C-alpha atoms as a PDB file:
ATOM      1  CA  UNK A   1      -0.139   0.495   0.206  1.00  0.00           C
ATOM      2  CA  UNK A   2       1.543   3.526  -1.057  1.00  0.00           C
ATOM      3  CA  UNK A   3       1.119   6.504   0.883  1.00  0.00           C
ATOM      4  CA  UNK A   4      -1.905   8.067  -0.946  1.00  0.00           C
ATOM      5  CA  UNK A   5      -3.846   5.200  -0.398  1.00  0.00           C
ATOM      6  CA  UNK A   6      -2.937   4.543   3.351  1.00  0.00           C
ATOM      7  CA  UNK A   7      -4.498   8.185   3.862  1.00  0.00           C
ATOM      8  CA  UNK A   8      -7.561   7.657   1.610  1.00  0.00           C
ATOM      9  CA  UNK A   9      -8.564   4.587   3.139  1.00  0.00           C
ATOM     10  CA  UNK A  10      -7.713   6.354   7.262  1.00  0.00           C
ATOM     11  CA  UNK A  11      -9.873   8.988   5.756  1.00  0.00           C
ATOM     12  CA  UNK A  12     -12.384   6.809   5.037  1.00  0.00           C
ATOM     13  CA  UNK A  13     -12.482   5.099   8.217  1.00  0.00           C
ATOM     14  CA  UNK A  14     -13.081   8.500   9.868  1.00  0.00           C
ATOM     15  CA  UNK A  15     -15.686   9.341   7.522  1.00  0.00           C
ATOM     16  CA  UNK A  16     -17.458   6.477   8.109  1.00  0.00           C
ATOM     17  CA  UNK A  17     -17.320   6.268  11.948  1.00  0.00           C
ATOM     18  CA  UNK A  18     -18.366   9.957  11.857  1.00  0.00           C
ATOM     19  CA  UNK A  19     -21.782   9.136   9.599  1.00  0.00           C
ATOM     20  CA  UNK A  20     -22.484   5.930  11.974  1.00  0.00           C
ATOM     21  CA  UNK A  21     -22.657   8.638  14.401  1.00  0.00           C
ATOM     22  CA  UNK A  22     -24.744  10.588  12.596  1.00  0.00           C
ATOM     23  CA  UNK A  23     -22.735  13.714  12.556  1.00  0.00           C
ATOM     24  CA  UNK A  24     -22.613  15.882   9.585  1.00  0.00           C
ATOM     25  CA  UNK A  25     -19.384  17.563   8.674  1.00  0.00           C
ATOM     26  CA  UNK A  26     -19.713  20.585   9.723  1.00  0.00           C
ATOM     27  CA  UNK A  27     -21.337  19.616  13.122  1.00  0.00           C
ATOM     28  CA  UNK A  28     -18.394  17.685  13.435  1.00  0.00           C
ATOM     29  CA  UNK A  29     -16.317  20.358  13.389  1.00  0.00           C
ATOM     30  CA  UNK A  30     -18.443  22.803  15.488  1.00  0.00           C
ATOM     31  CA  UNK A  31     -18.946  20.744  18.234  1.00  0.00           C
ATOM     32  CA  UNK A  32     -15.037  19.782  18.611  1.00  0.00           C
ATOM     33  CA  UNK A  33     -13.558  22.883  17.069  1.00  0.00           C
ATOM     34  CA  UNK A  34     -12.274  21.700  14.162  1.00  0.00           C
ATOM     35  CA  UNK A  35     -12.165  23.390  10.646  1.00  0.00           C
ATOM     36  CA  UNK A  36     -14.459  22.227   8.481  1.00  0.00           C
ATOM     37  CA  UNK A  37     -11.911  22.563   5.662  1.00  0.00           C
ATOM     38  CA  UNK A  38      -9.247  20.222   7.538  1.00  0.00           C
ATOM     39  CA  UNK A  39     -11.601  17.505   8.401  1.00  0.00           C
ATOM     40  CA  UNK A  40     -12.941  17.144   4.456  1.00  0.00           C
ATOM     41  CA  UNK A  41      -9.062  16.949   3.575  1.00  0.00           C
ATOM     42  CA  UNK A  42      -8.649  14.840   5.657  1.00  0.00           C
ATOM     43  CA  UNK A  43     -11.918  12.291   5.001  1.00  0.00           C
ATOM     44  CA  UNK A  44     -10.741  12.758   1.427  1.00  0.00           C
ATOM     45  CA  UNK A  45      -6.923  11.246   1.808  1.00  0.00           C
ATOM     46  CA  UNK A  46      -5.689  14.695   0.658  1.00  0.00           C
ATOM     47  CA  UNK A  47      -3.979  15.636   4.436  1.00  0.00           C
ATOM     48  CA  UNK A  48      -1.816  13.865   6.467  1.00  0.00           C
ATOM     49  CA  UNK A  49      -3.095  14.458  10.141  1.00  0.00           C
ATOM     50  CA  UNK A  50      -0.440  14.670  12.936  1.00  0.00           C
ATOM     51  CA  UNK A  51      -1.174  12.333  15.862  1.00  0.00           C
ATOM     52  CA  UNK A  52      -2.385  15.203  18.064  1.00  0.00           C
ATOM     53  CA  UNK A  53      -5.438  15.598  15.476  1.00  0.00           C
ATOM     54  CA  UNK A  54      -5.912  12.160  15.053  1.00  0.00           C
ATOM     55  CA  UNK A  55      -6.146  11.885  19.192  1.00  0.00           C
ATOM     56  CA  UNK A  56      -8.658  14.218  19.199  1.00  0.00           C
ATOM     57  CA  UNK A  57     -10.641  13.079  16.464  1.00  0.00           C
ATOM     58  CA  UNK A  58     -11.253   9.807  18.196  1.00  0.00           C
ATOM     59  CA  UNK A  59     -11.958  11.758  21.255  1.00  0.00           C
ATOM     60  CA  UNK A  60     -14.666  13.842  19.622  1.00  0.00           C
ATOM     61  CA  UNK A  61     -15.970  10.418  17.841  1.00  0.00           C
ATOM     62  CA  UNK A  62     -15.712   8.719  21.440  1.00  0.00           C
ATOM     63  CA  UNK A  63     -13.589   5.776  19.769  1.00  0.00           C
ATOM     64  CA  UNK A  64      -9.760   5.145  20.356  1.00  0.00           C
ATOM     65  CA  UNK A  65      -7.200   5.650  17.603  1.00  0.00           C
ATOM     66  CA  UNK A  66      -6.590   2.365  16.958  1.00  0.00           C
ATOM     67  CA  UNK A  67     -10.075   2.166  15.333  1.00  0.00           C
ATOM     68  CA  UNK A  68      -9.090   4.332  12.653  1.00  0.00           C
ATOM     69  CA  UNK A  69      -6.774   1.613  11.560  1.00  0.00           C
ATOM     70  CA  UNK A  70      -8.862  -1.360  11.848  1.00  0.00           C
ATOM     71  CA  UNK A  71      -8.942  -3.411   8.360  1.00  0.00           C
END
């Protein structure tokens, strides 16, 4: 798996978890102090998040960080 494919899979996992919680991109961004544009880039695989960003998103989605990397 190359880097771009990895980022797309990571973004898709975050998007899936967000939708399972019935949160819009805008709602998640507003509720937890994220920028909507940054979340959008992350979910589409166009951004490489820091570990701290993943930690904050996992807290907002109420999952552990490792959930983002499960197949």
